[in-house]
């Protein structure tokens, strides 16, 4: 029988009350075995999705992350109701796993990058029979403010590293491109848009007032002739935001566009928003 795995990463706007769940001693032992296997897996560098991922610290078990097996609804809002405010969260549901060993095999086969992602610090595990739900999360206070601020310019280094070699963006090949320089006006525009999305709980290139990225860049003092923008939501680290952008053909093409010579970037978070954290990267040419 083929095992099935379902995964969700972003919250919807629906709410569900988190009910307490009680596991039998046998199930509890299975959950403990799974946690031990996951933390052992994270303790060493591993090959995952054609790349080597470094060892990461162990995850802490949190009862507030033990969501019901059949949970459907707003992930972040449900966790908030349970007393856990997530900066980043990933929920994975497994079926047809008779014990912790089978559950671990499914996780490493289908979700190795999530298990090895160093943005996650906490874990919740719930089991009913041969069905499991694993929730990986980082609390809202999990990253220091200075770390978040420094992550904005760290994106510049990651973009330039990506542009340093040729790559495929979907079906289009891009040659290596010259590195971008930081532009303070574009950084201001990016910061304003990330803060607005976090504060007003929306995710779009055009803000509620109808302004485009060109309008925001001009308002911040940029007078260039070419503008581009990448946005992302829910990623708990600049590394994850970059991975997601590079995996998307259109966003990847923006990153590799040789016409761009400058950029600015920023992230902003608000625990009351659906995604928790929002990222904006603005490209330009004078």
Protein backbone atom coordinates (compact mmCIF):
# COMPACT_ATOMS: atom_id res chain seq x y z
CA UNK A 1 0.00 0.00 0.00
CA UNK A 2 1.30 3.41 -0.90
CA UNK A 3 1.65 5.76 2.05
CA UNK A 4 0.08 9.18 1.67
CA UNK A 5 1.43 12.41 3.12
CA UNK A 6 -0.33 15.73 3.27
CA UNK A 7 1.26 19.01 4.24
CA UNK A 8 0.15 22.62 4.75
CA UNK A 9 2.26 25.68 5.45
CA UNK A 10 0.01 28.74 5.57
CA UNK A 11 -3.03 29.49 7.69
CA UNK A 12 -6.48 30.11 6.28
CA UNK A 13 -8.90 32.61 7.79
CA UNK A 14 -11.08 29.94 9.41
CA UNK A 15 -10.92 29.19 13.12
CA UNK A 16 -11.17 25.96 15.04
CA UNK A 17 -11.15 25.40 18.76
CA UNK A 18 -8.16 23.37 19.92
CA UNK A 19 -9.43 20.52 22.02
CA UNK A 20 -7.27 18.58 24.49
CA UNK A 21 -6.25 15.15 23.28
CA UNK A 22 -5.33 12.14 25.34
CA UNK A 23 -3.03 9.44 24.01
CA UNK A 24 -2.67 5.92 25.32
CA UNK A 25 0.71 4.97 26.88
CA UNK A 26 1.57 2.95 23.77
CA UNK A 27 0.89 5.95 21.53
CA UNK A 28 2.79 8.27 23.85
CA UNK A 29 5.83 5.98 23.64
CA UNK A 30 5.56 6.05 19.87
CA UNK A 31 5.49 9.84 19.87
CA UNK A 32 8.56 9.93 22.09
CA UNK A 33 10.38 7.52 19.79
CA UNK A 34 9.56 9.68 16.79
CA UNK A 35 10.86 12.81 18.55
CA UNK A 36 14.09 11.02 19.46
CA UNK A 37 14.57 9.83 15.87
CA UNK A 38 13.94 13.33 14.45
CA UNK A 39 16.42 14.98 16.83
CA UNK A 40 19.02 12.33 16.08
CA UNK A 41 18.44 12.98 12.36
CA UNK A 42 18.98 16.73 12.90
CA UNK A 43 22.19 16.17 14.89
CA UNK A 44 24.29 15.40 11.78
CA UNK A 45 24.75 16.88 8.32
CA UNK A 46 22.47 15.13 5.81
CA UNK A 47 21.94 14.92 2.08
CA UNK A 48 18.48 16.26 1.30
CA UNK A 49 16.95 17.23 -2.06
CA UNK A 50 20.31 17.07 -3.87
CA UNK A 51 22.16 19.23 -1.36
CA UNK A 52 23.91 18.82 1.98
CA UNK A 53 22.19 20.43 4.95
CA UNK A 54 24.10 21.15 8.13
CA UNK A 55 23.37 19.73 11.57
CA UNK A 56 20.73 21.66 13.52
CA UNK A 57 19.83 21.90 17.24
CA UNK A 58 17.27 19.48 18.72
CA UNK A 59 13.59 20.36 18.70
CA UNK A 60 11.71 20.95 21.96
CA UNK A 61 8.40 19.11 22.42
CA UNK A 62 5.49 21.52 23.03
CA UNK A 63 2.04 20.27 24.03
CA UNK A 64 0.46 23.42 22.55
CA UNK A 65 1.62 22.25 19.10
CA UNK A 66 -0.11 18.85 19.34
CA UNK A 67 -2.91 19.59 16.88
CA UNK A 68 -5.78 17.15 16.25
CA UNK A 69 -5.18 14.60 13.52
CA UNK A 70 -8.11 15.85 11.44
CA UNK A 71 -7.36 19.52 12.02
CA UNK A 72 -8.70 21.85 9.35
CA UNK A 73 -8.71 25.62 9.64
CA UNK A 74 -6.51 28.57 10.49
CA UNK A 75 -3.20 27.13 11.64
CA UNK A 76 -1.67 30.24 13.21
CA UNK A 77 -4.93 31.38 14.80
CA UNK A 78 -5.53 27.94 16.31
CA UNK A 79 -2.03 27.85 17.78
CA UNK A 80 -2.49 31.39 19.10
CA UNK A 81 -5.67 30.27 20.87
CA UNK A 82 -3.61 27.47 22.44
CA UNK A 83 -1.07 30.00 23.71
CA UNK A 84 1.60 29.59 21.02
CA UNK A 85 2.35 32.54 18.73
CA UNK A 86 4.24 31.17 15.74
CA UNK A 87 6.69 33.19 13.69
CA UNK A 88 7.03 30.22 11.31
CA UNK A 89 5.05 26.99 11.29
CA UNK A 90 4.72 23.84 9.20
CA UNK A 91 2.07 21.14 9.71
CA UNK A 92 2.50 17.65 8.27
CA UNK A 93 -0.06 14.86 8.35
CA UNK A 94 0.95 11.22 7.87
CA UNK A 95 -1.32 8.24 7.25
CA UNK A 96 -0.74 4.49 7.27
CA UNK A 97 2.26 4.69 9.62
CA UNK A 98 1.88 1.79 12.05
CA UNK A 99 4.70 2.87 14.36
CA UNK A 100 7.30 5.58 14.94
CA UNK A 101 9.76 3.93 12.57
CA UNK A 102 7.32 4.04 9.65
CA UNK A 103 6.34 7.62 10.51
CA UNK A 104 10.01 8.64 10.57
CA UNK A 105 10.65 6.97 7.21
CA UNK A 106 7.75 8.90 5.66
CA UNK A 107 9.02 12.19 7.09
CA UNK A 108 12.58 11.73 5.87
CA UNK A 109 11.43 10.55 2.44
CA UNK A 110 8.97 13.39 1.81
CA UNK A 111 9.92 16.22 4.18
CA UNK A 112 13.67 16.07 4.86
CA UNK A 113 14.11 19.80 4.22
CA UNK A 114 11.48 20.65 6.84
CA UNK A 115 13.00 18.31 9.42
CA UNK A 116 16.46 19.83 8.87
CA UNK A 117 15.36 23.47 8.67
CA UNK A 118 17.14 25.39 11.43
CA UNK A 119 14.37 27.99 11.62
CA UNK A 120 12.25 25.52 13.62
CA UNK A 121 12.87 25.23 17.36
CA UNK A 122 9.74 23.45 18.61
CA UNK A 123 7.69 20.41 17.64
CA UNK A 124 4.27 18.97 18.43
CA UNK A 125 3.39 15.34 17.72
CA UNK A 126 -0.03 13.74 17.90
CA UNK A 127 -0.99 10.19 17.00
CA UNK A 128 -4.27 8.32 16.69
CA UNK A 129 -3.78 4.76 15.49
CA UNK A 130 -1.77 4.82 12.26
CA UNK A 131 -2.34 8.55 11.63
CA UNK A 132 0.11 11.21 12.82
CA UNK A 133 0.32 14.99 12.79
CA UNK A 134 3.70 16.67 13.20
CA UNK A 135 3.89 20.45 13.69
CA UNK A 136 7.23 22.26 13.38
CA UNK A 137 7.35 25.85 14.61
CA UNK A 138 9.41 28.81 15.69
CA UNK A 139 7.86 31.06 18.36
CA UNK A 140 7.33 34.71 17.56
CA UNK A 141 10.18 35.69 19.87
CA UNK A 142 12.46 33.02 18.43
CA UNK A 143 14.65 35.43 16.50
CA UNK A 144 16.32 38.46 18.04
CA UNK A 145 15.37 41.86 16.59
CA UNK A 146 18.98 42.46 15.59
CA UNK A 147 18.97 39.16 13.69
CA UNK A 148 15.84 40.15 11.76
CA UNK A 149 17.31 43.56 10.90
CA UNK A 150 20.58 42.05 9.71
CA UNK A 151 18.68 39.49 7.62
CA UNK A 152 17.52 42.26 5.29
CA UNK A 153 21.01 43.06 3.97
CA UNK A 154 21.99 39.39 4.14
CA UNK A 155 19.53 38.89 1.31
CA UNK A 156 21.77 41.08 -0.85
CA UNK A 157 24.65 38.65 -0.35
CA UNK A 158 22.41 35.69 -1.16
CA UNK A 159 21.06 37.34 -4.31
CA UNK A 160 24.57 38.13 -5.51
CA UNK A 161 25.67 34.56 -4.79
CA UNK A 162 22.73 33.32 -6.89
CA UNK A 163 23.56 35.74 -9.73
CA UNK A 164 27.21 34.64 -9.75
CA UNK A 165 26.41 31.52 -11.76
CA UNK A 166 24.05 30.62 -14.56
CA UNK A 167 20.80 28.92 -13.66
CA UNK A 168 17.47 27.76 -15.00
CA UNK A 169 14.39 29.70 -13.89
CA UNK A 170 11.66 27.33 -14.93
CA UNK A 171 12.25 26.76 -18.65
CA UNK A 172 14.39 29.86 -19.14
CA UNK A 173 18.17 29.84 -18.78
CA UNK A 174 19.89 32.90 -17.35
CA UNK A 175 23.59 33.58 -17.66
CA UNK A 176 25.55 34.73 -14.63
CA UNK A 177 24.85 38.40 -13.93
CA UNK A 178 26.77 41.21 -12.29
CA UNK A 179 26.28 41.67 -8.52
CA UNK A 180 23.72 44.18 -7.29
CA UNK A 181 24.51 47.08 -4.97
CA UNK A 182 22.39 48.14 -2.01
CA UNK A 183 20.13 51.15 -2.60
CA UNK A 184 18.80 52.90 0.51
CA UNK A 185 15.66 54.21 -1.23
CA UNK A 186 14.75 50.74 -2.46
CA UNK A 187 15.41 49.42 1.05
CA UNK A 188 13.01 52.02 2.45
CA UNK A 189 10.34 51.06 -0.08
CA UNK A 190 10.80 47.37 0.77
CA UNK A 191 10.63 48.04 4.49
CA UNK A 192 7.44 50.09 4.15
CA UNK A 193 5.70 47.41 2.11
CA UNK A 194 6.70 44.55 4.45
CA UNK A 195 5.51 46.52 7.48
CA UNK A 196 2.23 47.41 5.78
CA UNK A 197 1.52 43.79 4.81
CA UNK A 198 2.28 42.60 8.34
CA UNK A 199 0.31 45.39 10.03
CA UNK A 200 -2.72 45.32 7.73
CA UNK A 201 -2.69 41.54 7.16
CA UNK A 202 -2.59 41.33 3.37
CA UNK A 203 -0.24 39.83 0.79
CA UNK A 204 -0.09 41.59 -2.58
CA UNK A 205 2.17 43.73 -4.76
CA UNK A 206 -0.44 46.50 -4.89
CA UNK A 207 -1.30 47.91 -1.46
CA UNK A 208 -4.86 48.70 -0.25
CA UNK A 209 -4.41 52.32 -1.39
CA UNK A 210 -3.76 51.09 -4.93
CA UNK A 211 -0.05 51.97 -4.99
CA UNK A 212 2.32 49.82 -7.02
CA UNK A 213 5.96 49.05 -6.29
CA UNK A 214 6.92 51.87 -8.68
CA UNK A 215 4.77 54.29 -6.66
CA UNK A 216 6.34 53.19 -3.39
CA UNK A 217 9.89 53.36 -4.77
CA UNK A 218 9.29 56.85 -6.17
CA UNK A 219 7.82 57.94 -2.84
CA UNK A 220 10.96 56.68 -1.09
CA UNK A 221 13.14 58.79 -3.38
CA UNK A 222 14.17 56.32 -6.08
CA UNK A 223 14.43 57.88 -9.53
CA UNK A 224 15.48 54.85 -11.55
CA UNK A 225 14.06 53.68 -14.87
CA UNK A 226 13.36 50.02 -14.09
CA UNK A 227 11.66 48.41 -11.07
CA UNK A 228 10.91 44.85 -9.99
CA UNK A 229 9.63 43.31 -6.77
CA UNK A 230 9.56 39.92 -5.07
CA UNK A 231 7.42 39.31 -2.00
CA UNK A 232 7.03 36.30 0.26
CA UNK A 233 5.11 35.45 3.43
CA UNK A 234 5.51 32.91 6.20
CA UNK A 235 9.20 32.05 5.77
CA UNK A 236 11.01 32.24 9.10
CA UNK A 237 14.48 32.98 7.70
CA UNK A 238 16.11 34.75 4.74
CA UNK A 239 17.45 31.37 3.61
CA UNK A 240 13.94 29.97 3.33
CA UNK A 241 12.65 33.08 1.55
CA UNK A 242 15.49 32.80 -0.97
CA UNK A 243 14.87 29.08 -1.54
CA UNK A 244 11.21 29.75 -2.26
CA UNK A 245 11.97 32.65 -4.62
CA UNK A 246 14.55 30.65 -6.55
CA UNK A 247 12.10 27.75 -6.87
CA UNK A 248 9.52 30.05 -8.51
CA UNK A 249 10.30 30.77 -12.20
CA UNK A 250 9.02 34.37 -12.18
CA UNK A 251 10.70 35.34 -8.92
CA UNK A 252 13.90 33.60 -9.98
CA UNK A 253 13.85 35.56 -13.25
CA UNK A 254 13.63 38.83 -11.29
CA UNK A 255 16.63 37.80 -9.20
CA UNK A 256 18.68 36.94 -12.29
CA UNK A 257 17.58 39.84 -14.52
CA UNK A 258 20.80 41.46 -15.86
CA UNK A 259 18.99 44.79 -16.30
CA UNK A 260 18.83 45.28 -12.54
CA UNK A 261 21.85 46.84 -10.85
CA UNK A 262 20.53 47.76 -7.38
CA UNK A 263 18.22 46.36 -4.71
CA UNK A 264 16.76 46.86 -1.27
CA UNK A 265 15.06 44.30 0.98
CA UNK A 266 13.26 44.10 4.30
CA UNK A 267 11.14 41.83 6.47
CA UNK A 268 8.48 42.65 9.06
CA UNK A 269 6.44 40.55 11.45
CA UNK A 270 3.17 40.89 13.35
CA UNK A 271 1.77 38.08 15.49
CA UNK A 272 -1.79 39.12 14.61
CA UNK A 273 -1.30 38.54 10.88
CA UNK A 274 -2.06 35.30 9.05
CA UNK A 275 1.48 34.66 7.79
CA UNK A 276 3.35 36.11 10.77
CA UNK A 277 6.28 37.45 8.75
CA UNK A 278 6.45 39.18 5.35
CA UNK A 279 9.40 39.71 3.02
CA UNK A 280 9.90 42.29 0.26
CA UNK A 281 12.77 42.60 -2.20
CA UNK A 282 12.81 45.56 -4.63
CA UNK A 283 15.10 45.68 -7.66
CA UNK A 284 15.99 48.72 -9.72
CA UNK A 285 18.25 50.29 -12.32
CA UNK A 286 19.20 54.01 -12.43
